[in-house]
Amino acid sequence: MNKIVGIGANVCDTLISVSHYPSEDTKLRAESTIISGGGPCATGLVAASKLGEKVAYIGVLTDDNAGKFLMDDMKRYNVSTEYVSLYPGCTSFSSFVLLSGETASRTCVFHKGDIPPYKLTIDAKKQIAKADVLMVDGNEMSAAVEGAKIARENGTKVLYDAGGLYEGIEDLLSLTDILIPSEEFSLAHSGKDDVYEAAKWLYETYSPEVVVITRGKVGGVIYDGNAMKDYPAFTVDAVDTNGSGDVFHGAFAFCMAKCYDYYKACVFSSAVSALKCTKKGARSAVPSYDDVIEFLKERGTDV
């Protein structure tokens, strides 16, 4: 049985490594280009799969070259495609990502394509009801809300990777058990100037079990209604930060399926995200479970 399922973005990324970001209206030789699977939900599922859990993607793809790549990519990483609907003749969600060697940061330009919105099938609904965790990212909003309602009715935890201010977001937030927003989203959506106040506001407004705010290089904040606590980031020699947040969410879902407590899940997921940044590719760079445990032991951390 698939313990983790996800509804959301599945993106074909073209990663372009450059020495530095170019100025407007100039030319710059790329150091390398890589085609890679991306998107918060789908990449999170790959992370959970590579760590050792059974997962499935629930969504829609098309039959263009990018869509074929994404289908093959999920199979490569043992993500079940049983619940994928195929709409031929459309254009896939794709992006072009500049990776700067100078700053170890990434800049993304994307096109969402023209695939029609996904509609949950009967089999997909049954799978959500049986899973431990449903991952959503705000894409495919209608299907995500419907899926979250099914999850709520059947005891499946809803983990929301909140990174964009999408239309209808309040409906999904109100059905979320594990809310993991970025700092940028938290401050913008709450209207607060302080990340700790934002965490409290999100918790009090939407009543999840826990709010985990990711803050990149400085770690993050976890709030469960009783205690506010910082969790650490791990310093590494980063070469590609693209997808690091997606990987964090997938690792967190893995931890939930393994019954970690929330703080340990934060630490473990932070380590997975850090290790991912040491290699290129949002999915190919995800470490194994054993590599993560060894990484944590080397830093005197035991989860």
Protein backbone atom coordinates (compact mmCIF):
# COMPACT_ATOMS: atom_id res chain seq x y z
CA MET A 1 0.00 0.00 0.00
CA ASN A 2 1.18 3.54 -0.75
CA LYS A 3 1.54 5.29 2.60
CA ILE A 4 2.15 8.73 1.05
CA VAL A 5 0.22 10.18 -1.88
CA GLY A 6 0.39 13.63 -3.42
CA ILE A 7 -1.66 16.04 -5.53
CA GLY A 8 0.19 18.99 -7.04
CA ALA A 9 2.82 20.25 -9.43
CA ASN A 10 4.96 17.94 -11.56
CA VAL A 11 7.38 20.06 -13.58
CA CYS A 12 10.06 19.43 -16.19
CA ASP A 13 13.04 21.60 -15.18
CA THR A 14 15.95 22.61 -17.36
CA LEU A 15 18.80 23.40 -14.96
CA ILE A 16 21.37 25.81 -16.41
CA SER A 17 24.58 26.21 -14.43
CA VAL A 18 26.32 29.57 -14.87
CA SER A 19 29.28 31.23 -13.18
CA HIS A 20 27.11 34.24 -12.29
CA TYR A 21 23.77 35.74 -13.25
CA PRO A 22 24.02 37.55 -16.60
CA SER A 23 23.09 41.17 -17.12
CA GLU A 24 20.10 41.98 -19.30
CA ASP A 25 20.63 41.83 -23.08
CA THR A 26 23.97 39.97 -22.86
CA LYS A 27 25.25 36.48 -23.66
CA LEU A 28 26.80 34.06 -21.16
CA ARG A 29 28.23 30.59 -21.76
CA ALA A 30 26.56 27.95 -19.58
CA GLU A 31 28.77 25.53 -17.68
CA SER A 32 26.24 22.72 -18.04
CA THR A 33 22.56 21.96 -18.63
CA ILE A 34 20.52 19.16 -17.05
CA ILE A 35 16.92 18.07 -17.56
CA SER A 36 15.38 17.23 -14.20
CA GLY A 37 11.99 16.52 -12.70
CA GLY A 38 10.68 19.26 -10.41
CA GLY A 39 7.60 20.67 -8.73
CA PRO A 40 6.92 20.74 -4.98
CA CYS A 41 4.55 17.80 -4.69
CA ALA A 42 6.14 15.41 -7.18
CA THR A 43 9.68 16.11 -5.98
CA GLY A 44 8.57 15.65 -2.38
CA LEU A 45 7.16 12.26 -3.31
CA VAL A 46 10.45 11.28 -4.96
CA ALA A 47 12.28 12.28 -1.77
CA ALA A 48 10.00 10.12 0.38
CA SER A 49 10.43 7.23 -2.04
CA LYS A 50 14.23 7.48 -2.08
CA LEU A 51 14.21 7.50 1.72
CA GLY A 52 12.35 4.20 1.66
CA GLU A 53 8.57 4.76 1.69
CA LYS A 54 5.90 3.62 -0.79
CA VAL A 55 4.36 6.63 -2.55
CA ALA A 56 2.03 7.53 -5.41
CA TYR A 57 1.47 10.63 -7.53
CA ILE A 58 -2.14 11.64 -8.17
CA GLY A 59 -2.37 14.08 -11.06
CA VAL A 60 -2.41 14.72 -14.77
CA LEU A 61 0.30 14.69 -17.44
CA THR A 62 0.42 14.95 -21.21
CA ASP A 63 2.29 13.15 -24.00
CA ASP A 64 4.76 15.83 -25.11
CA ASN A 65 8.48 15.22 -24.59
CA ALA A 66 8.43 16.83 -21.15
CA GLY A 67 5.41 14.78 -20.10
CA LYS A 68 7.04 11.55 -21.24
CA PHE A 69 10.17 12.49 -19.32
CA LEU A 70 8.16 13.16 -16.14
CA MET A 71 6.33 9.85 -16.39
CA ASP A 72 9.59 7.95 -16.86
CA ASP A 73 11.22 9.96 -14.07
CA MET A 74 8.58 8.97 -11.53
CA LYS A 75 8.95 5.33 -12.51
CA ARG A 76 12.72 5.67 -12.18
CA TYR A 77 12.29 6.70 -8.55
CA ASN A 78 9.58 4.14 -7.74
CA VAL A 79 6.75 6.66 -7.51
CA SER A 80 3.53 4.90 -8.49
CA THR A 81 1.87 6.37 -11.59
CA GLU A 82 -1.27 4.23 -11.26
CA TYR A 83 -3.40 7.31 -10.49
CA VAL A 84 -2.05 9.58 -13.24
CA SER A 85 -4.54 10.75 -15.88
CA LEU A 86 -3.13 11.44 -19.35
CA TYR A 87 -4.37 14.29 -21.57
CA PRO A 88 -2.66 13.99 -24.99
CA GLY A 89 -1.87 16.96 -27.20
CA CYS A 90 -1.19 19.46 -24.40
CA THR A 91 1.89 21.34 -23.20
CA SER A 92 3.56 20.33 -19.94
CA PHE A 93 4.35 22.50 -16.93
CA SER A 94 8.03 23.40 -17.46
CA SER A 95 10.67 25.74 -16.08
CA PHE A 96 14.17 27.04 -16.79
CA VAL A 97 16.35 27.41 -13.72
CA LEU A 98 19.60 29.40 -13.59
CA LEU A 99 22.02 28.06 -10.95
CA SER A 100 24.61 30.66 -9.98
CA GLY A 101 28.03 29.37 -8.97
CA GLU A 102 28.83 32.77 -7.49
CA THR A 103 25.96 32.86 -5.00
CA ALA A 104 24.79 29.19 -4.91
CA SER A 105 21.26 30.50 -5.49
CA ARG A 106 18.70 29.78 -8.17
CA THR A 107 16.41 31.88 -10.35
CA CYS A 108 13.43 30.23 -12.02
CA VAL A 109 11.31 31.15 -15.05
CA PHE A 110 8.33 28.84 -15.56
CA HIS A 111 5.38 28.19 -17.86
CA LYS A 112 2.41 26.25 -16.45
CA GLY A 113 1.40 24.72 -19.78
CA ASP A 114 -2.18 24.07 -20.83
CA ILE A 115 -3.14 20.68 -19.35
CA PRO A 116 -6.76 20.76 -18.07
CA PRO A 117 -7.30 20.66 -14.29
CA TYR A 118 -7.08 17.22 -12.72
CA LYS A 119 -10.28 15.54 -11.53
CA LEU A 120 -10.04 12.86 -8.86
CA THR A 121 -10.90 9.38 -10.07
CA ILE A 122 -12.72 6.82 -7.94
CA ASP A 123 -9.52 4.81 -7.50
CA ALA A 124 -7.57 7.93 -6.49
CA LYS A 125 -10.19 8.77 -3.86
CA LYS A 126 -9.90 5.26 -2.42
CA GLN A 127 -6.11 5.56 -2.32
CA ILE A 128 -6.25 8.87 -0.43
CA ALA A 129 -8.58 7.31 2.14
CA LYS A 130 -6.11 4.45 2.74
CA ALA A 131 -2.90 6.51 2.89
CA ASP A 132 -1.13 7.83 5.99
CA VAL A 133 -0.24 11.20 4.44
CA LEU A 134 -1.64 13.31 1.59
CA MET A 135 0.84 15.91 0.30
CA VAL A 136 -0.51 19.03 -1.43
CA ASP A 137 1.22 22.19 -2.68
CA GLY A 138 -1.59 24.53 -3.81
CA ASN A 139 -1.46 23.46 -7.44
CA GLU A 140 -4.48 21.53 -8.77
CA MET A 141 -6.43 23.38 -6.08
CA SER A 142 -9.88 21.91 -6.74
CA ALA A 143 -8.61 18.31 -6.64
CA ALA A 144 -6.40 19.09 -3.63
CA VAL A 145 -9.33 20.47 -1.62
CA GLU A 146 -11.52 17.51 -2.53
CA GLY A 147 -8.69 15.14 -1.65
CA ALA A 148 -8.08 16.92 1.66
CA LYS A 149 -11.74 16.51 2.58
CA ILE A 150 -11.52 12.78 1.87
CA ALA A 151 -8.32 12.62 3.91
CA ARG A 152 -9.95 14.42 6.84
CA GLU A 153 -12.90 12.00 6.80
CA ASN A 154 -10.62 8.94 6.83
CA GLY A 155 -7.81 9.89 9.20
CA THR A 156 -5.22 10.60 6.50
CA LYS A 157 -2.94 13.49 7.53
CA VAL A 158 -2.83 16.43 5.11
CA LEU A 159 0.63 17.98 4.71
CA TYR A 160 0.54 21.32 2.90
CA ASP A 161 3.69 22.71 1.29
CA ALA A 162 2.52 26.34 1.33
CA GLY A 163 4.72 28.43 -0.91
CA GLY A 164 2.35 30.35 -3.18
CA LEU A 165 -0.63 32.64 -2.58
CA TYR A 166 -3.03 30.73 -4.82
CA GLU A 167 -6.72 31.48 -5.30
CA GLY A 168 -8.83 29.43 -2.89
CA ILE A 169 -5.94 28.85 -0.54
CA GLU A 170 -8.04 29.39 2.60
CA ASP A 171 -10.14 26.32 1.79
CA LEU A 172 -7.06 24.13 1.66
CA LEU A 173 -5.45 25.71 4.71
CA SER A 174 -8.52 24.96 6.80
CA LEU A 175 -8.19 21.24 5.94
CA THR A 176 -4.47 21.02 6.73
CA ASP A 177 -3.02 18.97 9.59
CA ILE A 178 0.68 19.66 9.00
CA LEU A 179 1.23 23.17 7.66
CA ILE A 180 4.75 23.78 6.33
CA PRO A 181 4.96 27.24 4.72
CA SER A 182 8.00 29.19 3.67
CA GLU A 183 8.93 32.27 5.67
CA GLU A 184 7.98 34.44 2.70
CA PHE A 185 4.51 32.91 2.49
CA SER A 186 4.00 33.08 6.26
CA LEU A 187 4.73 36.78 6.51
CA ALA A 188 2.81 37.71 3.35
CA HIS A 189 -0.31 35.69 4.19
CA SER A 190 -0.45 36.59 7.88
CA GLY A 191 0.48 40.25 7.45
CA LYS A 192 2.95 39.90 10.33
CA ASP A 193 6.48 41.26 10.42
CA ASP A 194 7.81 38.56 12.72
CA VAL A 195 8.05 34.86 11.84
CA TYR A 196 7.07 33.77 15.37
CA GLU A 197 3.96 35.91 15.32
CA ALA A 198 3.18 34.56 11.86
CA ALA A 199 3.42 30.98 13.18
CA LYS A 200 0.97 31.77 15.98
CA TRP A 201 -1.42 33.52 13.60
CA LEU A 202 -1.42 30.61 11.15
CA TYR A 203 -2.01 28.12 13.96
CA GLU A 204 -4.83 30.13 15.55
CA THR A 205 -6.47 30.93 12.21
CA TYR A 206 -6.45 27.49 10.55
CA SER A 207 -6.06 25.08 13.52
CA PRO A 208 -3.55 22.58 12.11
CA GLU A 209 -1.79 20.15 14.43
CA VAL A 210 1.50 21.95 13.83
CA VAL A 211 3.00 24.86 11.90
CA VAL A 212 6.56 24.46 10.60
CA ILE A 213 8.00 27.56 8.93
CA THR A 214 11.03 26.94 6.72
CA ARG A 215 13.69 29.67 6.69
CA GLY A 216 16.38 28.31 4.40
CA LYS A 217 19.94 28.68 5.67
CA VAL A 218 18.85 29.57 9.22
CA GLY A 219 16.65 26.52 9.75
CA GLY A 220 13.10 27.20 10.79
CA VAL A 221 10.39 27.46 13.45
CA ILE A 222 7.98 24.85 14.79
CA TYR A 223 4.82 25.70 16.74
CA ASP A 224 2.21 23.24 18.03
CA GLY A 225 0.00 25.62 20.01
CA ASN A 226 1.97 25.06 23.21
CA ALA A 227 5.66 25.59 22.51
CA MET A 228 7.57 27.64 19.94
CA LYS A 229 10.94 26.15 19.01
CA ASP A 230 13.66 26.77 16.44
CA TYR A 231 15.08 23.85 14.50
CA PRO A 232 18.54 23.92 12.90
CA ALA A 233 19.84 24.13 9.37
CA PHE A 234 23.05 22.27 8.47
CA THR A 235 25.95 24.00 6.78
CA VAL A 236 27.15 22.32 3.58
CA ASP A 237 28.99 23.30 0.41
CA ALA A 238 25.89 23.99 -1.68
CA VAL A 239 25.97 23.67 -5.46
CA ASP A 240 22.21 23.56 -6.22
CA THR A 241 19.49 24.81 -3.86
CA ASN A 242 16.67 24.28 -6.38
CA GLY A 243 14.09 21.91 -4.90
CA SER A 244 15.55 21.94 -1.40
CA GLY A 245 12.23 23.03 0.10
CA ASP A 246 10.34 20.37 -1.87
CA VAL A 247 12.72 17.73 -0.56
CA PHE A 248 12.21 18.98 3.01
CA HIS A 249 8.46 18.45 2.69
CA GLY A 250 8.87 14.98 1.22
CA ALA A 251 11.25 14.01 4.01
CA PHE A 252 8.76 15.34 6.56
CA ALA A 253 6.01 13.19 5.05
CA PHE A 254 8.37 10.21 5.30
CA CYS A 255 8.90 11.01 8.99
CA MET A 256 5.15 11.16 9.58
CA ALA A 257 4.72 7.71 8.00
CA LYS A 258 7.46 6.50 10.37
CA CYS A 259 5.79 8.13 13.42
CA TYR A 260 8.60 10.59 14.24
CA ASP A 261 7.65 13.41 16.58
CA TYR A 262 7.44 16.81 14.92
CA TYR A 263 10.75 18.22 16.15
CA LYS A 264 12.72 15.13 15.13
CA ALA A 265 10.96 15.28 11.77
CA CYS A 266 12.19 18.86 11.35
CA VAL A 267 15.79 17.94 12.15
CA PHE A 268 15.77 14.90 9.88
CA SER A 269 14.14 16.80 7.03
CA SER A 270 16.60 19.66 7.42
CA ALA A 271 19.46 17.19 7.04
CA VAL A 272 17.90 15.64 3.92
CA SER A 273 17.47 19.10 2.40
CA ALA A 274 21.06 20.08 3.20
CA LEU A 275 22.49 16.93 1.62
CA LYS A 276 20.36 17.45 -1.49
CA CYS A 277 21.99 20.87 -1.96
CA THR A 278 25.46 19.32 -2.27
CA LYS A 279 24.59 17.85 -5.70
CA LYS A 280 22.75 19.01 -8.79
CA GLY A 281 19.18 17.94 -9.50
CA ALA A 282 16.14 18.31 -7.30
CA ARG A 283 15.42 14.58 -7.41
CA SER A 284 18.65 12.80 -8.31
CA ALA A 285 20.45 14.55 -5.44
CA VAL A 286 18.11 13.28 -2.71
CA PRO A 287 20.19 11.14 -0.31
CA SER A 288 19.37 7.67 0.99
CA TYR A 289 18.08 7.12 4.52
CA ASP A 290 21.43 5.62 5.59
CA ASP A 291 23.33 8.63 4.23
CA VAL A 292 21.10 10.97 6.24
CA ILE A 293 21.61 9.03 9.47
CA GLU A 294 25.37 9.01 8.93
CA PHE A 295 25.33 12.77 8.21
CA LEU A 296 23.46 13.43 11.46
CA LYS A 297 25.77 11.20 13.49
CA GLU A 298 28.80 13.07 12.15
CA ARG A 299 27.22 16.26 13.50
CA GLY A 300 26.40 14.79 16.88
CA THR A 301 22.66 14.60 16.22
CA ASP A 302 20.58 11.51 16.86
CA VAL A 303 17.01 11.20 15.61
